[in-house]
Amino acid sequence: MSLPATPREATRLRDLTPLQWKSGAAAWLGWLFDGLELHLYTLVALPLVVQLLGVASASDPAVKEKSAYIQAAFLVGWALGGAFFGRIGDKIGRSRALALTILTYALCTGLCAFAQTWWQLMLFRFVAALGIGGEWAVGASLLTETWPKAWRPWMAAVLQTGVNLGILFAAVIVGVFTLLPHPPSERMVFLVGVVPALLVFWIRRHVPEPAAWKQAQSATAVKPGIRDLFRGEIARTTWCTMAVCALGLSAWWLFAFWHPQHLRRLLAAEGAAPGDITRRVSAAFFAVNALAIAGNFAAGALARWWGNRRAIVAMMLGLFASMAGAFMVPRGFGELVWFWVPLTGFFSGVFGLFTMYLPPLFPTLLRTTGAGFCYNVGRLAAAVASLTFGWLAPVGDFRVALLASSALALGAAVWSWWLPERTYEGERIQTSSSKLP
């Protein structure tokens, strides 16, 4: 069973083939569980690290330091996983690599529930991140090679919505735990992360390798390697996309990790109970990602009208403005949660565009390698930024770090102007078309 060499350019959902639906479902579910695995930790990081360190409160400097190390290790693993599994995807195929990535992050997220020290938690998060980072590159390339080209802006939005829904599920799960009559330890939420492992069996049985990958494998005697990303006309694409991803993802991940801690501090200063703090921060996180879903489709619409490059510039500028507006002056919990923080979530929809934009910029046998490497270098930069900005901010004052991180989003907006608008289709460079039928 194989997909047609050139997917039918469907103009309606009912024109899509069963195999296109299966590849789309596999990638979307992978993204959904990505979001779940990503933010289970983010929502319980502070109380869990306090518990593992055995300190009196979250205000202890060691909590902030170890939390930053764990987050940095996760982002490093994410970056390395994108490069590693991206290379695996080009060598053994998209479907096989996708199954491996999901199995990796599902099992290691479950192991986080059994961590006895902060460094054990860091290790489990690191290995889980290898799978999460790899899933992005492999899933994106799978859809690039199986779905109609003209649908890419909307496909990107739908895929990113899977991540946002996974994050919302994480917020709901954590919120439900706090409402139980006898709430279990925060660590127990990680056991939910084992569920995605069941998806692996369905993928291996029902999702075949794309015909484009099979044809490239059989037609190419000498396979390209990672060094080819930095040679010839591909080199400019590699360096430019790396820069934008590094700046943009650093800004977003600093916001995603530090703003819940900032909200916790504000609520603690108001005298809120621990369970109420977790519940209200989870609700705020829910609002951020609900607005991000709208942002995904707004970014897709801009890409349709203006092209990918201009859409990325506009959304990055919005990300900068919303982050700077939120933290340039001290604001209360209500003001942040009802306007500024969800607005930042809306503009994070820009990252959905990279899902379908990056893979076609590289030849077939460098597709998951190139997309995974460039996007995940951004996560490596975010790991360094998490440590650097965490060290620079005064103890307990996350607002300073969050305000400074908005400058990275501005840098990403400026650099985005030089992003390419050409793609490799059938191994020939073509000018990309962003218009939908």
Protein backbone atom coordinates (compact mmCIF):
# COMPACT_ATOMS: atom_id res chain seq x y z
CA MET A 1 0.00 0.00 0.00
CA SER A 2 1.47 3.38 -0.96
CA LEU A 3 0.44 6.94 -1.52
CA PRO A 4 0.32 8.39 -5.01
CA ALA A 5 3.54 10.07 -6.09
CA THR A 6 1.78 13.41 -6.36
CA PRO A 7 -1.12 13.89 -3.92
CA ARG A 8 -4.33 14.95 -5.59
CA GLU A 9 -4.85 18.69 -5.33
CA ALA A 10 -8.15 18.38 -3.53
CA THR A 11 -10.33 21.47 -3.20
CA ARG A 12 -12.79 19.89 -0.74
CA LEU A 13 -12.39 17.64 2.28
CA ARG A 14 -14.29 14.83 0.59
CA ASP A 15 -11.72 14.80 -2.23
CA LEU A 16 -8.95 13.71 0.16
CA THR A 17 -7.84 10.09 -0.09
CA PRO A 18 -8.11 7.66 2.87
CA LEU A 19 -4.33 7.55 3.12
CA GLN A 20 -4.09 11.33 3.27
CA TRP A 21 -6.59 11.28 6.13
CA LYS A 22 -4.54 8.65 7.95
CA SER A 23 -1.27 10.55 7.63
CA GLY A 24 -3.04 13.72 8.74
CA ALA A 25 -4.60 11.97 11.75
CA ALA A 26 -1.25 10.45 12.78
CA ALA A 27 0.54 13.80 12.64
CA TRP A 28 -2.28 15.68 14.39
CA LEU A 29 -2.50 13.17 17.23
CA GLY A 30 1.28 13.32 17.59
CA TRP A 31 1.01 17.11 17.92
CA LEU A 32 -1.85 16.76 20.43
CA PHE A 33 0.17 14.53 22.71
CA ASP A 34 3.21 16.78 22.19
CA GLY A 35 1.28 19.62 23.75
CA LEU A 36 0.10 17.43 26.61
CA GLU A 37 3.59 16.16 27.41
CA LEU A 38 5.14 19.61 27.04
CA HIS A 39 3.09 21.40 29.62
CA LEU A 40 2.25 18.85 32.26
CA TYR A 41 5.58 19.80 33.79
CA THR A 42 5.24 23.53 33.22
CA LEU A 43 2.03 23.64 35.27
CA VAL A 44 3.39 21.71 38.26
CA ALA A 45 7.07 22.67 38.05
CA LEU A 46 7.27 24.91 41.10
CA PRO A 47 5.54 22.70 43.71
CA LEU A 48 7.20 19.57 42.33
CA VAL A 49 10.71 21.00 42.49
CA VAL A 50 10.00 22.31 46.00
CA GLN A 51 8.99 18.77 46.99
CA LEU A 52 12.06 17.15 45.41
CA LEU A 53 14.46 19.63 47.00
CA GLY A 54 12.80 19.38 50.40
CA VAL A 55 12.86 23.15 50.95
CA ALA A 56 10.32 25.22 52.85
CA SER A 57 8.87 27.32 50.01
CA ALA A 58 9.09 28.29 46.36
CA SER A 59 10.90 31.49 47.33
CA ASP A 60 14.06 29.50 48.06
CA PRO A 61 16.70 30.49 45.42
CA ALA A 62 17.48 26.78 44.81
CA VAL A 63 13.97 26.25 43.45
CA LYS A 64 14.38 28.84 40.74
CA GLU A 65 17.89 27.60 39.91
CA LYS A 66 16.95 23.90 39.62
CA SER A 67 13.73 24.71 37.74
CA ALA A 68 15.79 26.60 35.17
CA TYR A 69 18.21 23.65 34.84
CA ILE A 70 15.34 21.21 34.27
CA GLN A 71 13.71 23.47 31.70
CA ALA A 72 17.03 24.04 29.95
CA ALA A 73 17.72 20.28 29.83
CA PHE A 74 14.28 19.74 28.30
CA LEU A 75 14.92 22.35 25.60
CA VAL A 76 18.38 20.93 24.86
CA GLY A 77 16.84 17.47 24.51
CA TRP A 78 14.16 18.92 22.27
CA ALA A 79 16.78 20.47 20.03
CA LEU A 80 18.93 17.34 19.87
CA GLY A 81 15.86 15.17 19.31
CA GLY A 82 14.81 17.28 16.34
CA ALA A 83 18.20 16.84 14.73
CA PHE A 84 18.59 13.15 15.68
CA PHE A 85 15.13 11.89 14.76
CA GLY A 86 15.07 14.23 11.78
CA ARG A 87 18.08 12.36 10.43
CA ILE A 88 16.44 9.04 11.32
CA GLY A 89 13.31 10.11 9.42
CA ASP A 90 15.32 10.76 6.26
CA LYS A 91 17.04 7.39 6.58
CA ILE A 92 14.34 4.91 7.66
CA GLY A 93 11.17 6.74 6.65
CA ARG A 94 8.61 9.13 8.12
CA SER A 95 6.13 6.61 9.50
CA ARG A 96 8.72 4.47 11.29
CA ALA A 97 10.48 7.50 12.78
CA LEU A 98 7.17 9.02 13.90
CA ALA A 99 6.33 5.87 15.85
CA LEU A 100 9.76 5.90 17.54
CA THR A 101 9.45 9.53 18.60
CA ILE A 102 6.02 9.03 20.19
CA LEU A 103 7.13 5.91 22.05
CA THR A 104 10.17 7.75 23.41
CA TYR A 105 8.34 10.73 24.84
CA ALA A 106 5.37 8.74 26.15
CA LEU A 107 7.42 6.30 28.22
CA CYS A 108 9.85 8.88 29.58
CA THR A 109 7.10 11.29 30.58
CA GLY A 110 5.54 8.46 32.60
CA LEU A 111 8.89 7.88 34.31
CA CYS A 112 8.82 11.49 35.60
CA ALA A 113 6.19 10.34 38.13
CA PHE A 114 8.83 8.18 39.82
CA ALA A 115 11.65 10.75 40.05
CA GLN A 116 13.13 10.93 43.55
CA THR A 117 15.58 13.80 43.00
CA TRP A 118 15.57 16.93 40.88
CA TRP A 119 18.34 15.56 38.63
CA GLN A 120 16.34 12.38 37.95
CA LEU A 121 13.43 14.52 36.88
CA MET A 122 15.80 16.51 34.66
CA LEU A 123 17.09 13.29 33.06
CA PHE A 124 13.60 11.93 32.33
CA ARG A 125 12.50 15.28 30.90
CA PHE A 126 15.61 15.38 28.72
CA VAL A 127 14.94 11.96 27.13
CA ALA A 128 11.23 12.70 26.71
CA ALA A 129 12.20 15.91 24.94
CA LEU A 130 14.28 13.94 22.41
CA GLY A 131 11.07 12.30 21.22
CA ILE A 132 8.99 15.48 21.28
CA GLY A 133 11.56 17.38 19.24
CA GLY A 134 11.83 14.58 16.71
CA GLU A 135 8.06 14.25 16.30
CA TRP A 136 7.78 17.82 15.02
CA ALA A 137 10.21 17.37 12.13
CA VAL A 138 9.02 13.90 11.12
CA GLY A 139 5.29 14.70 11.30
CA ALA A 140 5.70 17.95 9.37
CA SER A 141 7.60 16.20 6.57
CA LEU A 142 5.03 13.38 6.45
CA LEU A 143 2.25 15.86 5.71
CA THR A 144 4.37 17.92 3.33
CA GLU A 145 4.80 14.82 1.17
CA THR A 146 1.23 13.54 1.34
CA TRP A 147 -1.21 16.46 1.45
CA PRO A 148 -2.01 19.04 -1.29
CA LYS A 149 0.45 21.93 -1.45
CA ALA A 150 -2.22 24.63 -1.61
CA TRP A 151 -3.62 23.54 1.75
CA ARG A 152 -0.40 24.12 3.69
CA PRO A 153 -1.38 27.36 5.52
CA TRP A 154 -4.51 25.70 6.90
CA MET A 155 -2.74 22.41 7.56
CA ALA A 156 -0.18 24.30 9.63
CA ALA A 157 -2.96 25.96 11.64
CA VAL A 158 -4.78 22.68 12.26
CA LEU A 159 -1.59 20.91 13.32
CA GLN A 160 -0.62 23.67 15.73
CA THR A 161 -4.15 23.55 17.10
CA GLY A 162 -3.40 19.95 18.08
CA VAL A 163 -0.56 21.23 20.27
CA ASN A 164 -2.80 23.88 21.81
CA LEU A 165 -5.54 21.36 22.57
CA GLY A 166 -2.95 19.09 24.17
CA ILE A 167 -1.85 22.00 26.36
CA LEU A 168 -5.49 22.69 27.27
CA PHE A 169 -5.90 19.04 28.24
CA ALA A 170 -2.82 19.39 30.44
CA ALA A 171 -4.38 22.41 32.16
CA VAL A 172 -7.66 20.53 32.66
CA ILE A 173 -5.88 17.46 34.06
CA VAL A 174 -3.89 19.52 36.55
CA GLY A 175 -7.00 21.48 37.50
CA VAL A 176 -9.00 18.28 38.10
CA PHE A 177 -6.22 16.92 40.32
CA THR A 178 -6.48 19.97 42.59
CA LEU A 179 -10.26 19.49 42.96
CA LEU A 180 -10.06 15.89 44.18
CA PRO A 181 -11.05 15.37 47.86
CA HIS A 182 -7.56 14.07 48.63
CA PRO A 183 -5.33 15.43 45.85
CA PRO A 184 -2.40 13.13 44.99
CA SER A 185 1.12 14.44 44.56
CA GLU A 186 1.68 16.70 41.54
CA ARG A 187 4.01 14.05 40.15
CA MET A 188 1.09 11.70 39.42
CA VAL A 189 -0.07 13.84 36.49
CA PHE A 190 2.88 12.48 34.49
CA LEU A 191 1.31 9.01 34.36
CA VAL A 192 -1.21 10.41 31.88
CA GLY A 193 1.73 10.86 29.52
CA VAL A 194 2.01 7.12 28.93
CA VAL A 195 -1.25 7.07 26.94
CA PRO A 196 0.29 8.21 23.60
CA ALA A 197 2.35 5.00 23.47
CA LEU A 198 -0.82 3.24 22.29
CA LEU A 199 -0.83 5.41 19.15
CA VAL A 200 2.38 3.77 17.97
CA PHE A 201 0.66 0.49 17.13
CA TRP A 202 -1.94 2.21 14.94
CA ILE A 203 0.68 4.26 13.09
CA ARG A 204 2.82 1.25 12.25
CA ARG A 205 -0.20 -0.66 10.94
CA HIS A 206 -2.08 2.00 9.00
CA VAL A 207 0.31 4.81 7.95
CA PRO A 208 2.62 3.89 5.03
CA GLU A 209 5.77 5.69 3.99
CA PRO A 210 5.18 8.55 1.50
CA ALA A 211 5.88 7.73 -2.13
CA ALA A 212 8.05 10.84 -2.48
CA TRP A 213 10.45 9.53 0.17
CA LYS A 214 10.51 6.03 -1.37
CA GLN A 215 11.26 7.40 -4.82
CA ALA A 216 14.04 9.66 -3.55
CA GLN A 217 15.59 6.75 -1.64
CA SER A 218 15.64 4.50 -4.69
CA ALA A 219 16.76 7.19 -7.14
CA THR A 220 19.66 8.63 -5.13
CA ALA A 221 22.83 6.58 -4.88
CA VAL A 222 24.75 9.04 -2.68
CA LYS A 223 22.57 10.25 0.18
CA PRO A 224 23.06 13.84 1.40
CA GLY A 225 24.33 14.44 4.94
CA ILE A 226 23.99 17.15 7.57
CA ARG A 227 26.98 19.04 6.16
CA ASP A 228 25.01 19.58 2.94
CA LEU A 229 22.72 21.94 4.86
CA PHE A 230 25.63 24.40 4.88
CA ARG A 231 26.67 24.07 1.25
CA GLY A 232 25.55 25.80 -1.92
CA GLU A 233 22.20 27.53 -2.21
CA ILE A 234 20.78 25.62 0.77
CA ALA A 235 23.23 27.28 3.19
CA ARG A 236 21.52 30.67 3.13
CA THR A 237 18.16 29.04 3.88
CA THR A 238 19.67 27.09 6.75
CA TRP A 239 21.33 30.09 8.44
CA CYS A 240 18.37 32.42 8.00
CA THR A 241 15.73 30.02 9.31
CA MET A 242 17.99 29.06 12.22
CA ALA A 243 18.28 32.70 13.26
CA VAL A 244 14.54 33.37 13.16
CA CYS A 245 13.73 30.15 15.02
CA ALA A 246 16.39 30.82 17.67
CA LEU A 247 15.13 34.34 18.41
CA GLY A 248 11.40 33.61 18.18
CA LEU A 249 11.38 30.37 20.13
CA SER A 250 13.61 31.81 22.85
CA ALA A 251 11.12 34.64 23.35
CA TRP A 252 8.13 32.29 23.41
CA TRP A 253 9.65 29.69 25.71
CA LEU A 254 10.81 32.27 28.19
CA PHE A 255 7.23 33.53 28.27
CA ALA A 256 5.68 30.04 28.41
CA PHE A 257 7.87 28.92 31.30
CA TRP A 258 8.27 32.07 33.39
CA HIS A 259 4.82 33.68 33.15
CA PRO A 260 3.07 30.92 35.20
CA GLN A 261 5.74 31.39 37.87
CA HIS A 262 5.15 35.16 37.78
CA LEU A 263 1.40 34.62 38.14
CA ARG A 264 2.01 32.25 41.06
CA ARG A 265 4.10 34.89 42.80
CA LEU A 266 1.38 37.52 42.34
CA LEU A 267 -1.28 35.22 43.78
CA ALA A 268 0.94 34.19 46.69
CA ALA A 269 1.46 37.88 47.51
CA GLU A 270 -2.34 38.21 47.65
CA GLY A 271 -2.48 35.38 50.19
CA ALA A 272 -4.16 32.79 47.95
CA ALA A 273 -4.12 29.15 49.10
CA PRO A 274 -1.73 26.75 47.26
CA GLY A 275 -4.54 24.74 45.66
CA ASP A 276 -6.28 27.93 44.52
CA ILE A 277 -3.03 29.22 43.05
CA THR A 278 -2.53 26.08 40.94
CA ARG A 279 -6.15 26.16 39.79
CA ARG A 280 -6.10 29.84 38.78
CA VAL A 281 -2.74 29.58 37.03
CA SER A 282 -4.05 26.55 35.12
CA ALA A 283 -7.08 28.60 34.09
CA ALA A 284 -4.79 31.39 32.86
CA PHE A 285 -2.76 28.87 30.90
CA PHE A 286 -6.01 27.61 29.41
CA ALA A 287 -6.86 31.14 28.23
CA VAL A 288 -3.43 31.60 26.63
CA ASN A 289 -3.76 28.46 24.56
CA ALA A 290 -7.41 28.97 23.68
CA LEU A 291 -6.41 32.30 22.11
CA ALA A 292 -3.42 30.58 20.47
CA ILE A 293 -5.85 28.40 18.50
CA ALA A 294 -7.41 31.54 17.03
CA GLY A 295 -3.90 32.83 16.37
CA ASN A 296 -3.02 29.71 14.39
CA PHE A 297 -5.82 30.37 11.92
CA ALA A 298 -5.11 34.09 11.83
CA ALA A 299 -1.51 33.30 10.89
CA GLY A 300 -2.76 30.86 8.23
CA ALA A 301 -5.02 33.55 6.77
CA LEU A 302 -2.15 36.04 6.67
CA ALA A 303 0.06 33.46 4.95
CA ARG A 304 -2.66 32.94 2.35
CA TRP A 305 -2.99 36.66 1.62
CA TRP A 306 0.57 37.93 2.10
CA GLY A 307 2.81 34.85 1.84
CA ASN A 308 4.69 33.10 4.62
CA ARG A 309 7.45 35.64 5.06
CA ARG A 310 5.24 38.69 5.57
CA ALA A 311 2.86 36.72 7.79
CA ILE A 312 5.75 35.66 10.04
CA VAL A 313 7.01 39.25 10.27
CA ALA A 314 3.56 40.57 11.25
CA MET A 315 2.90 37.89 13.87
CA MET A 316 6.38 38.25 15.41
CA LEU A 317 5.81 41.99 15.76
CA GLY A 318 2.54 41.24 17.53
CA LEU A 319 4.31 38.79 19.83
CA PHE A 320 6.84 41.47 20.76
CA ALA A 321 4.21 44.15 21.36
CA SER A 322 2.03 41.93 23.56
CA MET A 323 4.95 40.69 25.69
CA ALA A 324 6.41 44.16 26.14
CA GLY A 325 2.99 45.59 26.98
CA ALA A 326 2.35 42.91 29.59
CA PHE A 327 5.56 43.37 31.55
CA MET A 328 6.87 46.89 30.95
CA VAL A 329 5.09 48.02 34.13
CA PRO A 330 3.94 46.02 37.19
CA ARG A 331 0.43 44.67 36.59
CA GLY A 332 -1.93 42.68 38.78
CA PHE A 333 -3.04 39.10 38.18
CA GLY A 334 -6.45 40.11 36.81
CA GLU A 335 -5.11 42.64 34.31
CA LEU A 336 -2.56 40.18 32.97
CA VAL A 337 -4.93 37.23 32.71
CA TRP A 338 -7.87 39.06 31.18
CA PHE A 339 -5.95 40.81 28.41
CA TRP A 340 -2.18 40.80 28.05
CA VAL A 341 -1.29 37.15 28.61
CA PRO A 342 -4.02 35.76 26.27
CA LEU A 343 -3.00 38.35 23.65
CA THR A 344 0.54 36.95 23.72
CA GLY A 345 -0.97 33.50 23.27
CA PHE A 346 -2.80 34.74 20.16
CA PHE A 347 0.39 35.91 18.49
CA SER A 348 2.15 32.64 19.33
CA GLY A 349 0.11 31.29 16.41
CA VAL A 350 3.09 32.33 14.29
CA PHE A 351 4.87 29.09 15.20
CA GLY A 352 2.20 27.06 13.48
CA LEU A 353 3.36 28.49 10.14
CA PHE A 354 6.80 26.92 10.49
CA THR A 355 5.25 23.43 10.46
CA MET A 356 4.45 23.51 6.77
CA TYR A 357 6.82 26.30 5.77
CA LEU A 358 10.17 24.76 6.72
CA PRO A 359 10.12 21.20 5.26
CA PRO A 360 9.64 22.19 1.58
CA LEU A 361 12.64 24.51 1.82
CA PHE A 362 14.89 21.41 1.74
CA PRO A 363 15.30 18.50 -0.72
CA THR A 364 13.42 15.28 0.09
CA LEU A 365 16.35 13.37 1.63
CA LEU A 366 17.30 16.42 3.71
CA ARG A 367 13.72 17.40 4.55
CA THR A 368 13.30 16.14 8.11
CA THR A 369 17.00 16.75 8.79
CA GLY A 370 16.82 20.37 7.62
CA ALA A 371 13.46 21.25 9.18
CA GLY A 372 14.29 19.47 12.42
CA PHE A 373 17.76 20.97 12.68
CA CYS A 374 16.78 24.58 11.96
CA TYR A 375 13.67 24.65 14.12
CA ASN A 376 15.25 22.82 17.00
CA VAL A 377 18.38 24.94 17.07
CA GLY A 378 15.86 27.56 18.12
CA ARG A 379 14.96 25.40 21.10
CA LEU A 380 18.62 25.02 21.98
CA ALA A 381 18.90 28.80 21.97
CA ALA A 382 15.80 28.92 24.17
CA ALA A 383 17.54 26.61 26.66
CA VAL A 384 20.49 29.00 26.91
CA ALA A 385 18.08 31.92 27.21
CA SER A 386 16.17 30.19 30.03
CA LEU A 387 19.34 29.97 32.08
CA THR A 388 20.70 33.40 31.15
CA PHE A 389 17.50 35.34 31.72
CA GLY A 390 16.80 33.37 34.89
CA TRP A 391 20.21 34.32 36.30
CA LEU A 392 19.83 37.99 35.36
CA ALA A 393 16.39 38.44 36.91
CA PRO A 394 16.23 39.30 40.63
CA VAL A 395 15.14 36.38 42.82
CA GLY A 396 11.36 36.13 42.72
CA ASP A 397 10.95 38.91 40.13
CA PHE A 398 10.15 37.13 36.88
CA ARG A 399 8.71 40.28 35.31
CA VAL A 400 12.19 41.61 34.55
CA ALA A 401 13.17 38.43 32.68
CA LEU A 402 9.87 38.41 30.79
CA LEU A 403 10.21 42.03 29.72
CA ALA A 404 13.77 41.50 28.51
CA SER A 405 12.72 38.42 26.54
CA SER A 406 10.29 40.49 24.45
CA ALA A 407 13.32 42.02 22.70
CA LEU A 408 14.07 38.59 21.24
CA ALA A 409 10.65 38.56 19.55
CA LEU A 410 11.45 41.93 18.01
CA GLY A 411 14.75 40.54 16.72
CA ALA A 412 12.90 37.59 15.19
CA ALA A 413 10.49 39.97 13.43
CA VAL A 414 13.35 41.96 11.89
CA TRP A 415 15.30 38.88 10.78
CA SER A 416 12.15 37.27 9.32
CA TRP A 417 12.20 39.80 6.50
CA TRP A 418 15.05 37.83 4.89
CA LEU A 419 13.35 34.43 5.04
CA PRO A 420 13.15 32.63 1.66
CA GLU A 421 9.93 32.25 -0.29
CA ARG A 422 11.23 29.40 -2.49
CA THR A 423 10.70 25.68 -2.04
CA TYR A 424 12.12 22.38 -3.24
CA GLU A 425 9.33 20.51 -5.01
CA GLY A 426 10.34 17.52 -7.11
CA GLU A 427 13.96 18.48 -6.26
CA ARG A 428 13.64 21.71 -8.29
CA ILE A 429 13.55 25.15 -6.69
CA GLN A 430 10.24 26.85 -7.35
CA THR A 431 8.64 30.06 -6.15
CA SER A 432 6.12 29.10 -3.51
CA SER A 433 2.44 29.83 -3.97
CA SER A 434 0.50 30.66 -0.86
CA LYS A 435 -2.97 31.00 -2.44
CA LEU A 436 -5.58 28.45 -1.53
CA PRO A 437 -8.11 27.20 -4.05
